[in-house]
Amino acid sequence: MNLVLRGIEQIKYLLTWMFVLFTKRTTLKGQKEITLPHKTIRVYIFDKDSPGLAQATPFGTIIWNLHWTEGLSVQAKQLLLTHEESHKNRNVIWKGIIYALLILLLIVTYQKAQLMLEIGFGGLSAAMLIDTIGSLTIPFVTFLIAIRVEEIIADYQSLQKLGEEHFIEGYRELLEQGDSTITGRIVRKILYNHPKQTVKLHDMLNS
């Protein structure tokens, strides 16, 4: 059994290593354990000054950026890890829906791009252009909605586990460390709730 478990861990490490290589353009530096209230979680560490503090991977692991997280307080680290653990533990069916939406979006985008290259922009009729825009917009908006719901759930569960004061204080610090570029601010506005909105949602559902 121990041999099987070691084999599974090696496979997870390899897959996570490849994920970091292709998405972060760097390599893993090993693993470390971070303590949460009542439990300890293993994370896979890398060191890169590009945006991104931590992320749950499709392989049941959490990657952790040392460059941005080493200076965080215990509260902020616990909030970040609780949030990513929520992503990691999400229902397999829900994850499948999100990945299916992403694959659908990529396929439709490829097909429409191929069509426009074959016909040329000048050869597109108004009807074809409207059809192309509609075909891209529907899966794109659906995917964004699914991601926002996922982020709301992760924040909501973090608030439940850590409490309002811990959640707000930790989030305030994480927002200061987050991507401050225009693109980063737009992404945060579209995909994430403000922490006070999450508190209001929690109060409404538990009143």
N, C-alpha and C. Protein backbone atom coordinates (compact mmCIF):
# COMPACT_ATOMS: atom_id res chain seq x y z
N MET A 1 0.83 -1.21 0.00
CA MET A 1 0.00 0.00 0.00
C MET A 1 0.86 1.25 0.00
N ASN A 2 1.92 1.24 0.83
CA ASN A 2 2.81 2.39 0.88
C ASN A 2 3.47 2.64 -0.46
N LEU A 3 3.80 1.54 -1.16
CA LEU A 3 4.41 1.65 -2.48
C LEU A 3 3.44 2.30 -3.47
N VAL A 4 2.17 1.91 -3.39
CA VAL A 4 1.14 2.49 -4.27
C VAL A 4 0.97 3.97 -3.98
N LEU A 5 0.90 4.32 -2.68
CA LEU A 5 0.74 5.73 -2.31
C LEU A 5 1.93 6.57 -2.76
N ARG A 6 3.13 6.01 -2.63
CA ARG A 6 4.32 6.74 -3.08
C ARG A 6 4.27 6.94 -4.60
N GLY A 7 3.79 5.92 -5.31
CA GLY A 7 3.67 6.03 -6.76
C GLY A 7 2.67 7.12 -7.15
N ILE A 8 1.55 7.18 -6.45
CA ILE A 8 0.54 8.21 -6.72
C ILE A 8 1.11 9.60 -6.45
N GLU A 9 1.84 9.74 -5.35
CA GLU A 9 2.44 11.03 -5.01
C GLU A 9 3.46 11.46 -6.06
N GLN A 10 4.23 10.50 -6.58
CA GLN A 10 5.21 10.83 -7.61
C GLN A 10 4.53 11.29 -8.90
N ILE A 11 3.42 10.62 -9.24
CA ILE A 11 2.67 11.02 -10.44
C ILE A 11 2.10 12.43 -10.26
N LYS A 12 1.52 12.69 -9.07
CA LYS A 12 0.97 14.02 -8.79
C LYS A 12 2.07 15.08 -8.86
N TYR A 13 3.26 14.75 -8.34
CA TYR A 13 4.36 15.70 -8.37
C TYR A 13 4.77 15.99 -9.81
N LEU A 14 4.86 14.94 -10.63
CA LEU A 14 5.25 15.11 -12.03
C LEU A 14 4.24 15.97 -12.78
N LEU A 15 2.95 15.67 -12.59
CA LEU A 15 1.90 16.44 -13.27
C LEU A 15 1.89 17.90 -12.82
N THR A 16 2.10 18.11 -11.51
CA THR A 16 2.14 19.47 -10.99
C THR A 16 3.37 20.20 -11.51
N TRP A 17 4.49 19.51 -11.59
CA TRP A 17 5.73 20.07 -12.15
C TRP A 17 5.49 20.54 -13.58
N MET A 18 4.81 19.71 -14.38
CA MET A 18 4.51 20.07 -15.77
C MET A 18 3.54 21.25 -15.83
N PHE A 19 2.56 21.27 -14.92
CA PHE A 19 1.60 22.37 -14.87
C PHE A 19 2.30 23.70 -14.59
N VAL A 20 3.20 23.71 -13.63
CA VAL A 20 3.95 24.92 -13.29
C VAL A 20 4.85 25.34 -14.44
N LEU A 21 5.47 24.37 -15.08
CA LEU A 21 6.36 24.66 -16.20
C LEU A 21 5.62 25.36 -17.34
N PHE A 22 4.43 24.87 -17.68
CA PHE A 22 3.70 25.40 -18.83
C PHE A 22 2.88 26.65 -18.50
N THR A 23 2.40 26.76 -17.27
CA THR A 23 1.55 27.91 -16.93
C THR A 23 2.32 29.05 -16.27
N LYS A 24 3.39 28.73 -15.56
CA LYS A 24 4.16 29.76 -14.85
C LYS A 24 5.54 29.99 -15.43
N ARG A 25 5.93 29.16 -16.38
CA ARG A 25 7.25 29.26 -17.01
C ARG A 25 8.40 29.17 -16.00
N THR A 26 8.24 28.28 -15.06
CA THR A 26 9.29 28.02 -14.08
C THR A 26 9.13 26.59 -13.59
N THR A 27 9.96 26.17 -12.64
CA THR A 27 9.90 24.80 -12.16
C THR A 27 9.63 24.77 -10.66
N LEU A 28 9.13 23.63 -10.21
CA LEU A 28 8.87 23.45 -8.78
C LEU A 28 10.18 23.43 -8.00
N LYS A 29 10.10 23.89 -6.76
CA LYS A 29 11.25 23.86 -5.87
C LYS A 29 11.04 22.87 -4.72
N GLY A 30 10.01 22.06 -4.81
CA GLY A 30 9.76 21.08 -3.76
C GLY A 30 8.38 21.24 -3.14
N GLN A 31 8.26 20.83 -1.89
CA GLN A 31 6.99 20.88 -1.18
C GLN A 31 7.21 21.47 0.21
N LYS A 32 6.14 21.99 0.78
CA LYS A 32 6.19 22.43 2.17
C LYS A 32 4.81 22.25 2.78
N GLU A 33 4.73 22.27 4.09
CA GLU A 33 3.44 22.11 4.77
C GLU A 33 3.08 23.41 5.47
N ILE A 34 1.81 23.79 5.34
CA ILE A 34 1.30 25.01 5.96
C ILE A 34 0.18 24.63 6.91
N THR A 35 0.21 25.21 8.08
CA THR A 35 -0.76 24.86 9.11
C THR A 35 -1.98 25.76 9.05
N LEU A 36 -3.14 25.14 9.00
CA LEU A 36 -4.42 25.82 9.13
C LEU A 36 -5.00 25.48 10.49
N PRO A 37 -6.03 26.18 10.92
CA PRO A 37 -6.70 25.75 12.15
C PRO A 37 -7.15 24.29 12.03
N HIS A 38 -6.65 23.45 12.89
CA HIS A 38 -7.05 22.04 13.00
C HIS A 38 -6.48 21.13 11.92
N LYS A 39 -5.63 21.63 11.01
CA LYS A 39 -5.07 20.73 10.00
C LYS A 39 -3.83 21.34 9.36
N THR A 40 -3.06 20.49 8.68
CA THR A 40 -1.88 20.92 7.94
C THR A 40 -2.02 20.46 6.50
N ILE A 41 -1.69 21.33 5.55
CA ILE A 41 -1.85 21.03 4.13
C ILE A 41 -0.51 21.14 3.41
N ARG A 42 -0.26 20.21 2.53
CA ARG A 42 0.96 20.23 1.74
C ARG A 42 0.74 21.05 0.48
N VAL A 43 1.71 21.92 0.17
CA VAL A 43 1.67 22.70 -1.06
C VAL A 43 2.94 22.45 -1.85
N TYR A 44 2.86 22.72 -3.14
CA TYR A 44 3.98 22.53 -4.06
C TYR A 44 4.51 23.92 -4.41
N ILE A 45 5.75 24.18 -4.08
CA ILE A 45 6.25 25.56 -4.12
C ILE A 45 7.04 25.87 -5.39
N PHE A 46 6.89 27.13 -5.84
CA PHE A 46 7.71 27.68 -6.91
C PHE A 46 8.02 29.12 -6.55
N ASP A 47 8.89 29.76 -7.30
CA ASP A 47 9.33 31.12 -6.96
C ASP A 47 9.37 31.95 -8.24
N LYS A 48 8.38 32.84 -8.40
CA LYS A 48 8.29 33.64 -9.62
C LYS A 48 7.69 34.99 -9.29
N ASP A 49 8.24 36.07 -9.86
CA ASP A 49 7.73 37.41 -9.55
C ASP A 49 6.55 37.81 -10.42
N SER A 50 6.05 36.91 -11.26
CA SER A 50 4.85 37.18 -12.03
C SER A 50 3.62 37.07 -11.14
N PRO A 51 2.48 37.68 -11.55
CA PRO A 51 1.29 37.65 -10.71
C PRO A 51 0.84 36.22 -10.41
N GLY A 52 0.27 36.04 -9.24
CA GLY A 52 -0.24 34.72 -8.85
C GLY A 52 0.37 34.26 -7.55
N LEU A 53 -0.45 34.20 -6.49
CA LEU A 53 0.06 33.80 -5.18
C LEU A 53 -0.02 32.29 -4.99
N ALA A 54 -1.15 31.71 -5.36
CA ALA A 54 -1.35 30.27 -5.20
C ALA A 54 -2.46 29.84 -6.14
N GLN A 55 -2.54 28.53 -6.39
CA GLN A 55 -3.55 28.03 -7.31
C GLN A 55 -3.75 26.54 -7.10
N ALA A 56 -5.01 26.12 -7.14
CA ALA A 56 -5.32 24.70 -7.13
C ALA A 56 -5.18 24.18 -8.56
N THR A 57 -4.52 23.05 -8.74
CA THR A 57 -4.32 22.47 -10.07
C THR A 57 -5.38 21.42 -10.36
N PRO A 58 -5.50 20.98 -11.60
CA PRO A 58 -6.47 19.91 -11.93
C PRO A 58 -6.10 18.55 -11.34
N PHE A 59 -4.94 18.46 -10.69
CA PHE A 59 -4.44 17.16 -10.24
C PHE A 59 -4.55 16.96 -8.73
N GLY A 60 -5.39 17.80 -8.09
CA GLY A 60 -5.58 17.66 -6.65
C GLY A 60 -4.42 18.16 -5.83
N THR A 61 -3.68 19.12 -6.37
CA THR A 61 -2.56 19.72 -5.64
C THR A 61 -2.73 21.24 -5.62
N ILE A 62 -1.97 21.90 -4.76
CA ILE A 62 -1.99 23.36 -4.67
C ILE A 62 -0.57 23.87 -4.87
N ILE A 63 -0.41 24.79 -5.82
CA ILE A 63 0.91 25.40 -6.03
C ILE A 63 0.97 26.72 -5.27
N TRP A 64 2.17 27.06 -4.81
CA TRP A 64 2.35 28.15 -3.84
C TRP A 64 3.56 28.97 -4.24
N ASN A 65 3.35 30.25 -4.55
CA ASN A 65 4.42 31.12 -5.03
C ASN A 65 5.16 31.76 -3.85
N LEU A 66 6.38 31.32 -3.64
CA LEU A 66 7.18 31.83 -2.51
C LEU A 66 7.44 33.33 -2.64
N HIS A 67 7.59 33.81 -3.87
CA HIS A 67 7.94 35.22 -4.08
C HIS A 67 6.92 36.15 -3.44
N TRP A 68 5.62 35.80 -3.55
CA TRP A 68 4.57 36.67 -3.06
C TRP A 68 4.03 36.26 -1.69
N THR A 69 4.26 35.04 -1.26
CA THR A 69 3.61 34.56 -0.04
C THR A 69 4.50 34.58 1.20
N GLU A 70 5.82 34.63 1.00
CA GLU A 70 6.71 34.55 2.17
C GLU A 70 6.52 35.71 3.14
N GLY A 71 6.16 36.88 2.62
CA GLY A 71 5.99 38.04 3.50
C GLY A 71 4.59 38.21 4.06
N LEU A 72 3.69 37.28 3.75
CA LEU A 72 2.32 37.40 4.23
C LEU A 72 2.21 37.03 5.70
N SER A 73 1.21 37.59 6.35
CA SER A 73 0.93 37.22 7.74
C SER A 73 0.33 35.82 7.79
N VAL A 74 0.28 35.25 8.96
CA VAL A 74 -0.33 33.93 9.14
C VAL A 74 -1.79 33.96 8.71
N GLN A 75 -2.49 35.05 9.06
CA GLN A 75 -3.91 35.18 8.69
C GLN A 75 -4.10 35.13 7.18
N ALA A 76 -3.29 35.89 6.45
CA ALA A 76 -3.42 35.95 5.00
C ALA A 76 -3.06 34.60 4.37
N LYS A 77 -2.02 33.95 4.88
CA LYS A 77 -1.64 32.64 4.35
C LYS A 77 -2.74 31.62 4.58
N GLN A 78 -3.33 31.65 5.75
CA GLN A 78 -4.40 30.70 6.04
C GLN A 78 -5.62 30.94 5.16
N LEU A 79 -5.95 32.21 4.93
CA LEU A 79 -7.08 32.53 4.06
C LEU A 79 -6.80 32.06 2.64
N LEU A 80 -5.62 32.37 2.13
CA LEU A 80 -5.24 31.97 0.77
C LEU A 80 -5.30 30.45 0.61
N LEU A 81 -4.77 29.74 1.59
CA LEU A 81 -4.75 28.29 1.50
C LEU A 81 -6.14 27.68 1.66
N THR A 82 -6.95 28.25 2.54
CA THR A 82 -8.32 27.77 2.71
C THR A 82 -9.11 27.95 1.42
N HIS A 83 -8.91 29.09 0.77
CA HIS A 83 -9.58 29.38 -0.50
C HIS A 83 -9.18 28.35 -1.57
N GLU A 84 -7.87 28.11 -1.69
CA GLU A 84 -7.39 27.16 -2.71
C GLU A 84 -7.78 25.73 -2.36
N GLU A 85 -7.83 25.40 -1.09
CA GLU A 85 -8.26 24.06 -0.70
C GLU A 85 -9.72 23.84 -1.09
N SER A 86 -10.54 24.89 -0.97
CA SER A 86 -11.93 24.80 -1.39
C SER A 86 -12.02 24.47 -2.87
N HIS A 87 -11.20 25.14 -3.69
CA HIS A 87 -11.15 24.82 -5.12
C HIS A 87 -10.74 23.36 -5.33
N LYS A 88 -9.72 22.95 -4.61
CA LYS A 88 -9.18 21.59 -4.78
C LYS A 88 -10.21 20.52 -4.45
N ASN A 89 -11.01 20.78 -3.43
CA ASN A 89 -11.96 19.77 -2.95
C ASN A 89 -13.31 19.82 -3.64
N ARG A 90 -13.47 20.71 -4.61
CA ARG A 90 -14.78 20.88 -5.23
C ARG A 90 -15.26 19.61 -5.91
N ASN A 91 -16.56 19.44 -5.95
CA ASN A 91 -17.22 18.31 -6.58
C ASN A 91 -16.67 18.07 -7.99
N VAL A 92 -16.35 16.81 -8.28
CA VAL A 92 -15.76 16.44 -9.57
C VAL A 92 -16.69 16.81 -10.73
N ILE A 93 -17.99 16.66 -10.54
CA ILE A 93 -18.95 16.99 -11.60
C ILE A 93 -18.90 18.48 -11.93
N TRP A 94 -18.84 19.32 -10.89
CA TRP A 94 -18.77 20.77 -11.11
C TRP A 94 -17.48 21.15 -11.82
N LYS A 95 -16.36 20.53 -11.41
CA LYS A 95 -15.10 20.79 -12.09
C LYS A 95 -15.19 20.37 -13.55
N GLY A 96 -15.84 19.24 -13.80
CA GLY A 96 -15.99 18.75 -15.17
C GLY A 96 -16.76 19.73 -16.03
N ILE A 97 -17.78 20.35 -15.45
CA ILE A 97 -18.58 21.34 -16.18
C ILE A 97 -17.71 22.54 -16.58
N ILE A 98 -16.89 23.02 -15.63
CA ILE A 98 -16.04 24.17 -15.89
C ILE A 98 -15.01 23.85 -16.98
N TYR A 99 -14.36 22.69 -16.86
CA TYR A 99 -13.35 22.32 -17.87
C TYR A 99 -14.01 22.08 -19.22
N ALA A 100 -15.23 21.53 -19.23
CA ALA A 100 -15.94 21.30 -20.49
C ALA A 100 -16.28 22.64 -21.16
N LEU A 101 -16.67 23.63 -20.35
CA LEU A 101 -16.96 24.95 -20.89
C LEU A 101 -15.70 25.58 -21.49
N LEU A 102 -14.57 25.40 -20.82
CA LEU A 102 -13.32 25.94 -21.33
C LEU A 102 -12.94 25.27 -22.65
N ILE A 103 -13.06 23.95 -22.71
CA ILE A 103 -12.74 23.22 -23.94
C ILE A 103 -13.67 23.65 -25.07
N LEU A 104 -14.97 23.80 -24.75
CA LEU A 104 -15.93 24.25 -25.76
C LEU A 104 -15.55 25.63 -26.29
N LEU A 105 -15.18 26.53 -25.38
CA LEU A 105 -14.79 27.88 -25.78
C LEU A 105 -13.57 27.84 -26.70
N LEU A 106 -12.59 27.02 -26.37
CA LEU A 106 -11.37 26.91 -27.19
C LEU A 106 -11.69 26.34 -28.57
N ILE A 107 -12.55 25.32 -28.61
CA ILE A 107 -12.92 24.70 -29.89
C ILE A 107 -13.66 25.70 -30.78
N VAL A 108 -14.65 26.39 -30.21
CA VAL A 108 -15.43 27.35 -31.00
C VAL A 108 -14.53 28.49 -31.49
N THR A 109 -13.64 28.97 -30.61
CA THR A 109 -12.72 30.05 -31.00
C THR A 109 -11.83 29.61 -32.15
N TYR A 110 -11.31 28.38 -32.07
CA TYR A 110 -10.45 27.85 -33.14
C TYR A 110 -11.22 27.73 -34.45
N GLN A 111 -12.44 27.20 -34.38
CA GLN A 111 -13.24 27.03 -35.59
C GLN A 111 -13.56 28.36 -36.26
N LYS A 112 -13.96 29.34 -35.45
CA LYS A 112 -14.31 30.65 -36.02
C LYS A 112 -13.09 31.38 -36.56
N ALA A 113 -11.96 31.24 -35.87
CA ALA A 113 -10.73 31.86 -36.35
C ALA A 113 -10.31 31.23 -37.68
N GLN A 114 -10.44 29.91 -37.77
CA GLN A 114 -10.11 29.22 -39.01
C GLN A 114 -11.02 29.67 -40.15
N LEU A 115 -12.32 29.83 -39.86
CA LEU A 115 -13.28 30.28 -40.87
C LEU A 115 -12.93 31.67 -41.38
N MET A 116 -12.59 32.57 -40.45
CA MET A 116 -12.27 33.95 -40.85
C MET A 116 -10.99 34.01 -41.67
N LEU A 117 -10.03 33.14 -41.36
CA LEU A 117 -8.79 33.10 -42.13
C LEU A 117 -9.04 32.58 -43.54
N GLU A 118 -9.95 31.60 -43.65
CA GLU A 118 -10.25 31.02 -44.96
C GLU A 118 -11.02 31.99 -45.85
N ILE A 119 -12.00 32.68 -45.25
CA ILE A 119 -12.85 33.58 -46.03
C ILE A 119 -12.21 34.97 -46.15
N GLY A 120 -11.55 35.38 -45.09
CA GLY A 120 -11.03 36.74 -45.03
C GLY A 120 -12.08 37.67 -44.48
N PHE A 121 -11.66 38.66 -43.73
CA PHE A 121 -12.61 39.58 -43.09
C PHE A 121 -13.50 40.28 -44.13
N GLY A 122 -12.94 40.56 -45.30
CA GLY A 122 -13.72 41.24 -46.33
C GLY A 122 -14.82 40.38 -46.90
N GLY A 123 -14.67 39.06 -46.79
CA GLY A 123 -15.67 38.15 -47.36
C GLY A 123 -16.77 37.77 -46.39
N LEU A 124 -16.69 38.27 -45.17
CA LEU A 124 -17.71 37.95 -44.16
C LEU A 124 -18.95 38.82 -44.37
N SER A 125 -20.10 38.17 -44.48
CA SER A 125 -21.36 38.91 -44.57
C SER A 125 -21.75 39.36 -43.17
N ALA A 126 -22.73 40.28 -43.09
CA ALA A 126 -23.20 40.76 -41.79
C ALA A 126 -23.77 39.61 -40.97
N ALA A 127 -24.50 38.70 -41.62
CA ALA A 127 -25.10 37.56 -40.91
C ALA A 127 -24.03 36.63 -40.36
N MET A 128 -22.99 36.39 -41.17
CA MET A 128 -21.90 35.51 -40.72
C MET A 128 -21.15 36.15 -39.56
N LEU A 129 -20.96 37.49 -39.64
CA LEU A 129 -20.25 38.18 -38.57
C LEU A 129 -21.03 38.11 -37.26
N ILE A 130 -22.36 38.32 -37.34
CA ILE A 130 -23.21 38.24 -36.15
C ILE A 130 -23.19 36.83 -35.57
N ASP A 131 -23.25 35.83 -36.46
CA ASP A 131 -23.20 34.43 -36.02
C ASP A 131 -21.87 34.12 -35.33
N THR A 132 -20.79 34.65 -35.89
CA THR A 132 -19.46 34.41 -35.31
C THR A 132 -19.36 35.03 -33.92
N ILE A 133 -19.81 36.28 -33.79
CA ILE A 133 -19.77 36.97 -32.50
C ILE A 133 -20.63 36.26 -31.47
N GLY A 134 -21.85 35.86 -31.90
CA GLY A 134 -22.74 35.14 -30.99
C GLY A 134 -22.18 33.81 -30.56
N SER A 135 -21.58 33.08 -31.50
CA SER A 135 -21.00 31.76 -31.19
C SER A 135 -19.86 31.86 -30.19
N LEU A 136 -19.12 32.96 -30.24
CA LEU A 136 -18.01 33.16 -29.30
C LEU A 136 -18.50 33.71 -27.96
N THR A 137 -19.50 34.59 -28.01
CA THR A 137 -19.94 35.28 -26.80
C THR A 137 -20.61 34.35 -25.81
N ILE A 138 -21.49 33.47 -26.31
CA ILE A 138 -22.27 32.61 -25.40
C ILE A 138 -21.37 31.70 -24.56
N PRO A 139 -20.45 30.91 -25.16
CA PRO A 139 -19.60 30.07 -24.30
C PRO A 139 -18.65 30.88 -23.43
N PHE A 140 -18.21 32.05 -23.95
CA PHE A 140 -17.29 32.89 -23.18
C PHE A 140 -17.98 33.43 -21.92
N VAL A 141 -19.17 33.98 -22.07
CA VAL A 141 -19.91 34.53 -20.93
C VAL A 141 -20.29 33.42 -19.95
N THR A 142 -20.71 32.27 -20.48
CA THR A 142 -21.07 31.14 -19.62
C THR A 142 -19.87 30.67 -18.81
N PHE A 143 -18.70 30.63 -19.43
CA PHE A 143 -17.48 30.23 -18.73
C PHE A 143 -17.12 31.23 -17.64
N LEU A 144 -17.24 32.53 -17.93
CA LEU A 144 -16.94 33.55 -16.93
C LEU A 144 -17.89 33.45 -15.74
N ILE A 145 -19.18 33.20 -16.01
CA ILE A 145 -20.15 33.06 -14.93
C ILE A 145 -19.81 31.86 -14.05
N ALA A 146 -19.44 30.74 -14.69
CA ALA A 146 -19.08 29.53 -13.94
C ALA A 146 -17.86 29.78 -13.05
N ILE A 147 -16.87 30.50 -13.58
CA ILE A 147 -15.66 30.80 -12.79
C ILE A 147 -16.01 31.72 -11.63
N ARG A 148 -16.86 32.72 -11.88
CA ARG A 148 -17.24 33.63 -10.78
C ARG A 148 -17.99 32.89 -9.68
N VAL A 149 -18.89 31.98 -10.06
CA VAL A 149 -19.59 31.17 -9.07
C VAL A 149 -18.59 30.34 -8.27
N GLU A 150 -17.61 29.78 -8.95
CA GLU A 150 -16.59 28.97 -8.27
C GLU A 150 -15.81 29.81 -7.25
N GLU A 151 -15.45 31.03 -7.64
CA GLU A 151 -14.70 31.89 -6.73
C GLU A 151 -15.57 32.34 -5.54
N ILE A 152 -16.84 32.59 -5.79
CA ILE A 152 -17.74 32.97 -4.70
C ILE A 152 -17.86 31.83 -3.69
N ILE A 153 -17.99 30.60 -4.19
CA ILE A 153 -18.09 29.44 -3.30
C ILE A 153 -16.83 29.29 -2.46
N ALA A 154 -15.66 29.44 -3.10
CA ALA A 154 -14.39 29.30 -2.37
C ALA A 154 -14.25 30.36 -1.29
N ASP A 155 -14.64 31.60 -1.61
CA ASP A 155 -14.60 32.67 -0.61
C ASP A 155 -15.60 32.41 0.52
N TYR A 156 -16.79 31.98 0.15
CA TYR A 156 -17.84 31.72 1.13
C TYR A 156 -17.40 30.64 2.12
N GLN A 157 -16.82 29.56 1.61
CA GLN A 157 -16.37 28.48 2.49
C GLN A 157 -15.19 28.93 3.35
N SER A 158 -14.33 29.80 2.80
CA SER A 158 -13.22 30.33 3.60
C SER A 158 -13.74 31.17 4.76
N LEU A 159 -14.75 31.99 4.48
CA LEU A 159 -15.37 32.81 5.52
C LEU A 159 -15.99 31.92 6.59
N GLN A 160 -16.66 30.87 6.20
CA GLN A 160 -17.27 29.95 7.16
C GLN A 160 -16.23 29.31 8.08
N LYS A 161 -15.10 28.94 7.51
CA LYS A 161 -14.08 28.21 8.28
C LYS A 161 -13.24 29.13 9.18
N LEU A 162 -12.99 30.36 8.71
CA LEU A 162 -12.06 31.24 9.42
C LEU A 162 -12.74 32.31 10.26
N GLY A 163 -13.99 32.62 9.95
CA GLY A 163 -14.67 33.69 10.68
C GLY A 163 -14.51 35.03 9.96
N GLU A 164 -15.45 35.95 10.23
CA GLU A 164 -15.50 37.21 9.50
C GLU A 164 -14.25 38.07 9.70
N GLU A 165 -13.82 38.23 10.93
CA GLU A 165 -12.67 39.11 11.20
C GLU A 165 -11.41 38.61 10.51
N HIS A 166 -11.14 37.31 10.65
CA HIS A 166 -9.98 36.69 10.01
C HIS A 166 -10.09 36.84 8.49
N PHE A 167 -11.27 36.60 7.94
CA PHE A 167 -11.50 36.67 6.50
C PHE A 167 -11.24 38.07 5.97
N ILE A 168 -11.80 39.09 6.60
CA ILE A 168 -11.65 40.47 6.14
C ILE A 168 -10.20 40.93 6.25
N GLU A 169 -9.57 40.68 7.40
CA GLU A 169 -8.18 41.11 7.59
C GLU A 169 -7.24 40.42 6.61
N GLY A 170 -7.42 39.11 6.43
CA GLY A 170 -6.58 38.38 5.50
C GLY A 170 -6.78 38.84 4.07
N TYR A 171 -8.03 39.10 3.70
CA TYR A 171 -8.33 39.53 2.34
C TYR A 171 -7.75 40.90 2.05
N ARG A 172 -7.80 41.79 3.04
CA ARG A 172 -7.24 43.13 2.86
C ARG A 172 -5.75 43.04 2.49
N GLU A 173 -5.05 42.14 3.15
CA GLU A 173 -3.62 41.97 2.87
C GLU A 173 -3.40 41.32 1.50
N LEU A 174 -4.23 40.35 1.15
CA LEU A 174 -4.08 39.68 -0.14
C LEU A 174 -4.35 40.64 -1.30
N LEU A 175 -5.31 41.54 -1.12
CA LEU A 175 -5.62 42.52 -2.17
C LEU A 175 -4.43 43.45 -2.41
N GLU A 176 -3.70 43.76 -1.36
CA GLU A 176 -2.52 44.61 -1.49
C GLU A 176 -1.41 43.91 -2.26
N GLN A 177 -1.35 42.56 -2.14
CA GLN A 177 -0.31 41.79 -2.80
C GLN A 177 -0.72 41.35 -4.21
N GLY A 178 -2.00 41.50 -4.55
CA GLY A 178 -2.52 41.02 -5.83
C GLY A 178 -2.00 41.82 -7.01
N ASP A 179 -2.37 41.37 -8.20
CA ASP A 179 -1.97 42.01 -9.45
C ASP A 179 -2.61 43.40 -9.52
N SER A 180 -1.77 44.44 -9.53
CA SER A 180 -2.27 45.81 -9.51
C SER A 180 -2.33 46.44 -10.90
N THR A 181 -2.02 45.64 -11.94
CA THR A 181 -2.10 46.17 -13.29
C THR A 181 -3.57 46.40 -13.68
N ILE A 182 -3.78 47.15 -14.76
CA ILE A 182 -5.15 47.39 -15.22
C ILE A 182 -5.84 46.07 -15.54
N THR A 183 -5.12 45.17 -16.22
CA THR A 183 -5.69 43.86 -16.55
C THR A 183 -6.06 43.09 -15.29
N GLY A 184 -5.16 43.12 -14.30
CA GLY A 184 -5.41 42.42 -13.05
C GLY A 184 -6.63 42.96 -12.32
N ARG A 185 -6.80 44.29 -12.33
CA ARG A 185 -7.96 44.90 -11.67
C ARG A 185 -9.26 44.56 -12.39
N ILE A 186 -9.20 44.52 -13.73
CA ILE A 186 -10.39 44.17 -14.50
C ILE A 186 -10.79 42.71 -14.23
N VAL A 187 -9.80 41.83 -14.23
CA VAL A 187 -10.07 40.41 -13.97
C VAL A 187 -10.68 40.23 -12.59
N ARG A 188 -10.13 40.94 -11.60
CA ARG A 188 -10.66 40.82 -10.24
C ARG A 188 -12.10 41.33 -10.19
N LYS A 189 -12.40 42.42 -10.89
CA LYS A 189 -13.75 42.98 -10.87
C LYS A 189 -14.75 42.02 -11.50
N ILE A 190 -14.33 41.34 -12.57
CA ILE A 190 -15.24 40.44 -13.29
C ILE A 190 -15.42 39.11 -12.57
N LEU A 191 -14.34 38.55 -12.04
CA LEU A 191 -14.39 37.17 -11.54
C LEU A 191 -14.55 37.04 -10.04
N TYR A 192 -14.30 38.11 -9.27
CA TYR A 192 -14.28 37.96 -7.82
C TYR A 192 -15.25 38.92 -7.14
N ASN A 193 -15.86 38.46 -6.08
CA ASN A 193 -16.63 39.32 -5.19
C ASN A 193 -15.70 40.13 -4.31
N HIS A 194 -16.12 41.32 -3.92
CA HIS A 194 -15.41 42.03 -2.86
C HIS A 194 -15.68 41.27 -1.57
N PRO A 195 -14.70 41.18 -0.66
CA PRO A 195 -14.92 40.40 0.57
C PRO A 195 -16.15 40.83 1.37
N LYS A 196 -16.49 42.12 1.35
CA LYS A 196 -17.68 42.57 2.07
C LYS A 196 -18.96 42.03 1.43
N GLN A 197 -18.93 41.81 0.09
CA GLN A 197 -20.07 41.20 -0.57
C GLN A 197 -20.25 39.75 -0.10
N THR A 198 -19.13 39.07 0.10
CA THR A 198 -19.19 37.69 0.59
C THR A 198 -19.75 37.65 2.00
N VAL A 199 -19.36 38.61 2.83
CA VAL A 199 -19.89 38.69 4.19
C VAL A 199 -21.40 38.93 4.16
N LYS A 200 -21.85 39.84 3.28
CA LYS A 200 -23.28 40.13 3.15
C LYS A 200 -24.05 38.88 2.70
N LEU A 201 -23.46 38.13 1.75
CA LEU A 201 -24.09 36.90 1.27
C LEU A 201 -24.21 35.88 2.40
N HIS A 202 -23.15 35.77 3.19
CA HIS A 202 -23.15 34.84 4.31
C HIS A 202 -24.21 35.22 5.34
N ASP A 203 -24.28 36.51 5.64
CA ASP A 203 -25.27 36.98 6.62
C ASP A 203 -26.70 36.76 6.11
N MET A 204 -26.91 36.99 4.82
CA MET A 204 -28.24 36.82 4.25
C MET A 204 -28.67 35.36 4.28
N LEU A 205 -27.76 34.44 3.95
CA LEU A 205 -28.09 33.02 3.91
C LEU A 205 -28.21 32.40 5.29
N ASN A 206 -27.65 33.09 6.29
CA ASN A 206 -27.68 32.52 7.65
C ASN A 206 -28.53 33.33 8.61
N SER A 207 -29.32 34.25 8.06
CA SER A 207 -30.18 35.09 8.93
C SER A 207 -31.46 34.35 9.30
